[in-house]
PDB file of N, CA and C in Angstrom:
ATOM      1  N   UNK A   1      20.346 -18.599 -14.126  1.00  0.00           N
ATOM      2  CA  UNK A   1      18.921 -18.387 -13.715  1.00  0.00           C
ATOM      3  C   UNK A   1      18.204 -18.180 -15.099  1.00  0.00           C
ATOM      4  N   UNK A   2      16.890 -18.674 -15.156  1.00  0.00           N
ATOM      5  CA  UNK A   2      16.143 -18.682 -16.367  1.00  0.00           C
ATOM      6  C   UNK A   2      15.557 -17.215 -16.633  1.00  0.00           C
ATOM      7  N   UNK A   3      15.124 -16.915 -17.751  1.00  0.00           N
ATOM      8  CA  UNK A   3      14.449 -15.849 -18.125  1.00  0.00           C
ATOM      9  C   UNK A   3      13.111 -15.600 -17.314  1.00  0.00           C
ATOM     10  N   UNK A   4      12.461 -16.775 -17.180  1.00  0.00           N
ATOM     11  CA  UNK A   4      11.144 -16.701 -16.393  1.00  0.00           C
ATOM     12  C   UNK A   4      11.457 -16.314 -15.031  1.00  0.00           C
ATOM     13  N   UNK A   5      12.459 -16.906 -14.336  1.00  0.00           N
ATOM     14  CA  UNK A   5      12.861 -16.464 -12.932  1.00  0.00           C
ATOM     15  C   UNK A   5      13.250 -15.082 -12.881  1.00  0.00           C
ATOM     16  N   UNK A   6      14.017 -14.571 -13.780  1.00  0.00           N
ATOM     17  CA  UNK A   6      14.369 -13.074 -13.865  1.00  0.00           C
ATOM     18  C   UNK A   6      13.116 -12.240 -14.019  1.00  0.00           C
ATOM     19  N   UNK A   7      12.195 -12.562 -14.728  1.00  0.00           N
ATOM     20  CA  UNK A   7      10.851 -11.824 -14.831  1.00  0.00           C
ATOM     21  C   UNK A   7      10.099 -11.840 -13.459  1.00  0.00           C
ATOM     22  N   UNK A   8      10.171 -12.974 -12.914  1.00  0.00           N
ATOM     23  CA  UNK A   8       9.500 -13.039 -11.614  1.00  0.00           C
ATOM     24  C   UNK A   8      10.167 -12.251 -10.524  1.00  0.00           C
ATOM     25  N   UNK A   9      11.545 -12.245 -10.460  1.00  0.00           N
ATOM     26  CA  UNK A   9      12.153 -11.330  -9.602  1.00  0.00           C
ATOM     27  C   UNK A   9      12.060  -9.865  -9.808  1.00  0.00           C
ATOM     28  N   UNK A  10      12.103  -9.512 -10.997  1.00  0.00           N
ATOM     29  CA  UNK A  10      11.772  -8.074 -11.463  1.00  0.00           C
ATOM     30  C   UNK A  10      10.406  -7.624 -11.122  1.00  0.00           C
ATOM     31  N   UNK A  11       9.385  -8.533 -11.269  1.00  0.00           N
ATOM     32  CA  UNK A  11       8.028  -8.251 -10.956  1.00  0.00           C
ATOM     33  C   UNK A  11       7.900  -8.031  -9.452  1.00  0.00           C
ATOM     34  N   UNK A  12       8.499  -8.927  -8.682  1.00  0.00           N
ATOM     35  CA  UNK A  12       8.284  -8.856  -7.336  1.00  0.00           C
ATOM     36  C   UNK A  12       9.137  -7.765  -6.743  1.00  0.00           C
ATOM     37  N   UNK A  13      10.235  -7.328  -7.303  1.00  0.00           N
ATOM     38  CA  UNK A  13      10.893  -6.233  -6.911  1.00  0.00           C
ATOM     39  C   UNK A  13      10.122  -4.928  -7.067  1.00  0.00           C
ATOM     40  N   UNK A  14       9.382  -4.797  -8.357  1.00  0.00           N
ATOM     41  CA  UNK A  14       8.735  -3.580  -8.592  1.00  0.00           C
ATOM     42  C   UNK A  14       7.426  -3.538  -7.712  1.00  0.00           C
ATOM     43  N   UNK A  15       6.791  -4.719  -7.442  1.00  0.00           N
ATOM     44  CA  UNK A  15       5.538  -4.720  -6.495  1.00  0.00           C
ATOM     45  C   UNK A  15       6.157  -4.191  -5.124  1.00  0.00           C
ATOM     46  N   UNK A  16       7.197  -4.813  -4.703  1.00  0.00           N
ATOM     47  CA  UNK A  16       7.711  -4.235  -3.384  1.00  0.00           C
ATOM     48  C   UNK A  16       7.910  -2.770  -3.235  1.00  0.00           C
ATOM     49  N   UNK A  17       8.404  -2.030  -4.396  1.00  0.00           N
ATOM     50  CA  UNK A  17       8.609  -0.807  -4.404  1.00  0.00           C
ATOM     51  C   UNK A  17       7.157  -0.077  -4.357  1.00  0.00           C
ATOM     52  N   UNK A  18       6.240  -0.499  -5.112  1.00  0.00           N
ATOM     53  CA  UNK A  18       5.049  -0.080  -5.099  1.00  0.00           C
ATOM     54  C   UNK A  18       4.327  -0.100  -3.591  1.00  0.00           C
ATOM     55  N   UNK A  19       4.599  -1.168  -3.149  1.00  0.00           N
ATOM     56  CA  UNK A  19       4.024  -1.454  -1.682  1.00  0.00           C
ATOM     57  C   UNK A  19       4.696  -0.455  -0.727  1.00  0.00           C
ATOM     58  N   UNK A  20       5.998  -0.178  -0.801  1.00  0.00           N
ATOM     59  CA  UNK A  20       6.552   0.873  -0.003  1.00  0.00           C
ATOM     60  C   UNK A  20       5.939   2.208  -0.173  1.00  0.00           C
ATOM     61  N   UNK A  21       5.751   2.455  -1.556  1.00  0.00           N
ATOM     62  CA  UNK A  21       5.062   3.902  -1.744  1.00  0.00           C
ATOM     63  C   UNK A  21       3.739   3.852  -1.129  1.00  0.00           C
ATOM     64  N   UNK A  22       2.900   2.672  -1.270  1.00  0.00           N
ATOM     65  CA  UNK A  22       1.531   2.710  -0.761  1.00  0.00           C
ATOM     66  C   UNK A  22       1.653   2.926   0.920  1.00  0.00           C
ATOM     67  N   UNK A  23       2.615   2.425   1.407  1.00  0.00           N
ATOM     68  CA  UNK A  23       2.737   2.488   3.010  1.00  0.00           C
ATOM     69  C   UNK A  23       3.015   4.010   3.269  1.00  0.00           C
ATOM     70  N   UNK A  24       3.986   4.640   2.465  1.00  0.00           N
ATOM     71  CA  UNK A  24       4.371   5.997   2.545  1.00  0.00           C
ATOM     72  C   UNK A  24       3.065   6.687   2.383  1.00  0.00           C
ATOM     73  N   UNK A  25       2.255   6.611   1.355  1.00  0.00           N
ATOM     74  CA  UNK A  25       1.066   7.426   1.217  1.00  0.00           C
ATOM     75  C   UNK A  25       0.010   7.193   2.400  1.00  0.00           C
ATOM     76  N   UNK A  26      -0.107   6.011   2.818  1.00  0.00           N
ATOM     77  CA  UNK A  26      -0.925   5.610   3.995  1.00  0.00           C
ATOM     78  C   UNK A  26      -0.641   6.525   5.177  1.00  0.00           C
ATOM     79  N   UNK A  27       0.725   6.545   5.494  1.00  0.00           N
ATOM     80  CA  UNK A  27       1.275   7.257   6.642  1.00  0.00           C
ATOM     81  C   UNK A  27       0.989   8.855   6.422  1.00  0.00           C
ATOM     82  N   UNK A  28       1.160   9.282   5.262  1.00  0.00           N
ATOM     83  CA  UNK A  28       0.948  10.685   5.082  1.00  0.00           C
ATOM     84  C   UNK A  28      -0.648  10.956   5.054  1.00  0.00           C
ATOM     85  N   UNK A  29      -1.487  10.167   4.604  1.00  0.00           N
ATOM     86  CA  UNK A  29      -2.824  10.368   4.726  1.00  0.00           C
ATOM     87  C   UNK A  29      -3.450  10.250   6.236  1.00  0.00           C
ATOM     88  N   UNK A  30      -2.705   9.313   7.005  1.00  0.00           N
ATOM     89  CA  UNK A  30      -3.030   9.216   8.401  1.00  0.00           C
ATOM     90  C   UNK A  30      -2.682  10.542   9.044  1.00  0.00           C
ATOM     91  N   UNK A  31      -1.598  11.107   8.902  1.00  0.00           N
ATOM     92  CA  UNK A  31      -1.141  12.292   9.499  1.00  0.00           C
ATOM     93  C   UNK A  31      -2.199  13.461   9.195  1.00  0.00           C
ATOM     94  N   UNK A  32      -2.558  13.528   7.903  1.00  0.00           N
ATOM     95  CA  UNK A  32      -3.483  14.538   7.469  1.00  0.00           C
ATOM     96  C   UNK A  32      -4.884  14.336   8.145  1.00  0.00           C
ATOM     97  N   UNK A  33      -5.211  13.112   8.193  1.00  0.00           N
ATOM     98  CA  UNK A  33      -6.511  12.854   8.768  1.00  0.00           C
ATOM     99  C   UNK A  33      -6.567  13.259  10.323  1.00  0.00           C
ATOM    100  N   UNK A  34      -5.390  13.032  11.095  1.00  0.00           N
ATOM    101  CA  UNK A  34      -5.449  13.498  12.398  1.00  0.00           C
ATOM    102  C   UNK A  34      -5.662  15.055  12.540  1.00  0.00           C
ATOM    103  N   UNK A  35      -4.930  15.661  11.550  1.00  0.00           N
ATOM    104  CA  UNK A  35      -4.980  17.137  11.554  1.00  0.00           C
ATOM    105  C   UNK A  35      -6.419  17.603  11.273  1.00  0.00           C
ATOM    106  N   UNK A  36      -7.049  16.974  10.288  1.00  0.00           N
ATOM    107  CA  UNK A  36      -8.401  17.319   9.926  1.00  0.00           C
ATOM    108  C   UNK A  36      -9.458  17.077  10.931  1.00  0.00           C
ATOM    109  N   UNK A  37      -9.287  15.914  11.560  1.00  0.00           N
ATOM    110  CA  UNK A  37      -9.961  15.527  12.527  1.00  0.00           C
ATOM    111  C   UNK A  37     -10.048  16.573  13.726  1.00  0.00           C
ATOM    112  N   UNK A  38      -8.815  17.054  14.022  1.00  0.00           N
ATOM    113  CA  UNK A  38      -8.718  18.135  15.229  1.00  0.00           C
ATOM    114  C   UNK A  38      -9.277  19.376  14.743  1.00  0.00           C
ATOM    115  N   UNK A  39      -9.327  19.732  13.462  1.00  0.00           N
ATOM    116  CA  UNK A  39      -9.970  20.842  12.902  1.00  0.00           C
ATOM    117  C   UNK A  39     -11.452  20.930  12.966  1.00  0.00           C
ATOM    118  N   UNK A  40     -12.122  19.706  13.132  1.00  0.00           N
ATOM    119  CA  UNK A  40     -13.435  19.645  13.234  1.00  0.00           C
ATOM    120  C   UNK A  40     -14.195  19.197  12.084  1.00  0.00           C
ATOM    121  N   UNK A  41     -13.522  18.850  11.143  1.00  0.00           N
ATOM    122  CA  UNK A  41     -14.129  18.382   9.763  1.00  0.00           C
ATOM    123  C   UNK A  41     -14.118  16.895   9.882  1.00  0.00           C
ATOM    124  N   UNK A  42     -15.200  16.370  10.677  1.00  0.00           N
ATOM    125  CA  UNK A  42     -15.518  14.906  10.794  1.00  0.00           C
ATOM    126  C   UNK A  42     -15.768  14.115   9.489  1.00  0.00           C
ATOM    127  N   UNK A  43     -16.591  14.710   8.635  1.00  0.00           N
ATOM    128  CA  UNK A  43     -16.868  13.950   7.472  1.00  0.00           C
ATOM    129  C   UNK A  43     -15.742  13.748   6.501  1.00  0.00           C
ATOM    130  N   UNK A  44     -14.793  14.753   6.386  1.00  0.00           N
ATOM    131  CA  UNK A  44     -13.588  14.660   5.566  1.00  0.00           C
ATOM    132  C   UNK A  44     -12.679  13.635   6.194  1.00  0.00           C
ATOM    133  N   UNK A  45     -12.544  13.598   7.616  1.00  0.00           N
ATOM    134  CA  UNK A  45     -11.663  12.634   8.291  1.00  0.00           C
ATOM    135  C   UNK A  45     -12.293  11.280   8.074  1.00  0.00           C
ATOM    136  N   UNK A  46     -13.458  11.071   7.972  1.00  0.00           N
ATOM    137  CA  UNK A  46     -14.042   9.855   7.854  1.00  0.00           C
ATOM    138  C   UNK A  46     -13.727   9.284   6.409  1.00  0.00           C
ATOM    139  N   UNK A  47     -13.855  10.209   5.374  1.00  0.00           N
ATOM    140  CA  UNK A  47     -13.437   9.880   4.006  1.00  0.00           C
ATOM    141  C   UNK A  47     -12.124   9.418   3.834  1.00  0.00           C
ATOM    142  N   UNK A  48     -11.144  10.132   4.652  1.00  0.00           N
ATOM    143  CA  UNK A  48      -9.689   9.752   4.734  1.00  0.00           C
ATOM    144  C   UNK A  48      -9.485   8.403   5.313  1.00  0.00           C
ATOM    145  N   UNK A  49     -10.244   8.181   6.341  1.00  0.00           N
ATOM    146  CA  UNK A  49     -10.112   6.851   7.050  1.00  0.00           C
ATOM    147  C   UNK A  49     -10.495   5.686   6.131  1.00  0.00           C
ATOM    148  N   UNK A  50     -11.580   5.919   5.330  1.00  0.00           N
ATOM    149  CA  UNK A  50     -12.021   4.945   4.253  1.00  0.00           C
ATOM    150  C   UNK A  50     -10.907   4.855   3.334  1.00  0.00           C
ATOM    151  N   UNK A  51     -10.254   5.758   2.760  1.00  0.00           N
ATOM    152  CA  UNK A  51      -9.131   5.685   1.856  1.00  0.00           C
ATOM    153  C   UNK A  51      -8.003   4.925   2.548  1.00  0.00           C
ATOM    154  N   UNK A  52      -7.710   5.041   3.804  1.00  0.00           N
ATOM    155  CA  UNK A  52      -6.771   4.300   4.519  1.00  0.00           C
ATOM    156  C   UNK A  52      -6.987   2.830   4.440  1.00  0.00           C
ATOM    157  N   UNK A  53      -8.407   2.568   4.745  1.00  0.00           N
ATOM    158  CA  UNK A  53      -8.757   1.033   4.795  1.00  0.00           C
ATOM    159  C   UNK A  53      -8.651   0.372   3.476  1.00  0.00           C
ATOM    160  N   UNK A  54      -8.788   1.286   2.328  1.00  0.00           N
ATOM    161  CA  UNK A  54      -8.633   0.644   0.952  1.00  0.00           C
ATOM    162  C   UNK A  54      -7.027   0.388   0.839  1.00  0.00           C
ATOM    163  N   UNK A  55      -6.324   1.374   1.207  1.00  0.00           N
ATOM    164  CA  UNK A  55      -4.775   1.051   0.911  1.00  0.00           C
ATOM    165  C   UNK A  55      -4.361  -0.060   1.834  1.00  0.00           C
ATOM    166  N   UNK A  56      -4.876  -0.216   3.074  1.00  0.00           N
ATOM    167  CA  UNK A  56      -4.539  -1.451   3.896  1.00  0.00           C
ATOM    168  C   UNK A  56      -4.948  -2.747   3.149  1.00  0.00           C
ATOM    169  N   UNK A  57      -6.242  -2.800   2.671  1.00  0.00           N
ATOM    170  CA  UNK A  57      -6.668  -3.902   2.050  1.00  0.00           C
ATOM    171  C   UNK A  57      -5.802  -4.379   0.793  1.00  0.00           C
ATOM    172  N   UNK A  58      -5.663  -3.325   0.027  1.00  0.00           N
ATOM    173  CA  UNK A  58      -4.767  -3.467  -1.199  1.00  0.00           C
ATOM    174  C   UNK A  58      -3.279  -3.878  -0.928  1.00  0.00           C
ATOM    175  N   UNK A  59      -2.759  -3.385   0.179  1.00  0.00           N
ATOM    176  CA  UNK A  59      -1.387  -3.791   0.643  1.00  0.00           C
ATOM    177  C   UNK A  59      -1.302  -5.155   1.018  1.00  0.00           C
ATOM    178  N   UNK A  60      -2.408  -5.644   1.508  1.00  0.00           N
ATOM    179  CA  UNK A  60      -2.429  -7.092   1.934  1.00  0.00           C
ATOM    180  C   UNK A  60      -2.377  -8.069   0.737  1.00  0.00           C
ATOM    181  N   UNK A  61      -3.174  -7.643  -0.426  1.00  0.00           N
ATOM    182  CA  UNK A  61      -3.137  -8.208  -1.581  1.00  0.00           C
ATOM    183  C   UNK A  61      -1.782  -8.194  -2.351  1.00  0.00           C
ATOM    184  N   UNK A  62      -1.208  -7.129  -2.490  1.00  0.00           N
ATOM    185  CA  UNK A  62       0.073  -6.933  -3.117  1.00  0.00           C
ATOM    186  C   UNK A  62       1.017  -7.722  -2.285  1.00  0.00           C
ATOM    187  N   UNK A  63       1.057  -7.646  -0.910  1.00  0.00           N
ATOM    188  CA  UNK A  63       1.965  -8.481  -0.185  1.00  0.00           C
ATOM    189  C   UNK A  63       1.805  -9.996  -0.558  1.00  0.00           C
ATOM    190  N   UNK A  64       0.738 -10.518  -0.701  1.00  0.00           N
ATOM    191  CA  UNK A  64       0.368 -11.873  -1.140  1.00  0.00           C
ATOM    192  C   UNK A  64       0.848 -12.091  -2.375  1.00  0.00           C
ATOM    193  N   UNK A  65       0.809 -11.232  -3.308  1.00  0.00           N
ATOM    194  CA  UNK A  65       1.263 -11.494  -4.713  1.00  0.00           C
ATOM    195  C   UNK A  65       2.722 -11.536  -4.854  1.00  0.00           C
ATOM    196  N   UNK A  66       3.387 -10.582  -3.911  1.00  0.00           N
ATOM    197  CA  UNK A  66       4.935 -10.584  -3.905  1.00  0.00           C
ATOM    198  C   UNK A  66       5.311 -12.009  -3.281  1.00  0.00           C
ATOM    199  N   UNK A  67       4.780 -12.379  -2.186  1.00  0.00           N
ATOM    200  CA  UNK A  67       5.056 -13.743  -1.589  1.00  0.00           C
ATOM    201  C   UNK A  67       4.933 -14.925  -2.579  1.00  0.00           C
ATOM    202  N   UNK A  68       3.872 -14.968  -3.391  1.00  0.00           N
ATOM    203  CA  UNK A  68       3.724 -15.916  -4.393  1.00  0.00           C
ATOM    204  C   UNK A  68       4.816 -16.038  -5.505  1.00  0.00           C
ATOM    205  N   UNK A  69       5.156 -14.562  -5.997  1.00  0.00           N
ATOM    206  CA  UNK A  69       6.175 -14.695  -6.916  1.00  0.00           C
ATOM    207  C   UNK A  69       7.495 -15.049  -6.302  1.00  0.00           C
ATOM    208  N   UNK A  70       7.736 -14.687  -5.195  1.00  0.00           N
ATOM    209  CA  UNK A  70       9.094 -14.991  -4.665  1.00  0.00           C
ATOM    210  C   UNK A  70       9.268 -16.589  -4.200  1.00  0.00           C
ATOM    211  N   UNK A  71       8.101 -17.138  -3.984  1.00  0.00           N
ATOM    212  CA  UNK A  71       8.152 -18.675  -3.617  1.00  0.00           C
ATOM    213  C   UNK A  71       8.069 -19.561  -4.804  1.00  0.00           C
ATOM    214  N   UNK A  72       7.743 -19.085  -5.952  1.00  0.00           N
ATOM    215  CA  UNK A  72       7.506 -19.910  -7.169  1.00  0.00           C
ATOM    216  C   UNK A  72       8.808 -20.309  -7.793  1.00  0.00           C
TER     217      UNK A  72
END
């Protein structure tokens, strides 16, 4: 295997771990958002939902980058 291929695999593996972390953070923010919403703090819950949307959008971009690295 070439050094270039090794670098691509290592980069894709690192991005995969970051993506898993991002999903875990999203899940925890979602749980906290439900709790905040039930407590009546609608504005705070709305801000948390916006953060979740950013995480989702970025997760899609990271997934695309991982797929490109693994397919090259």
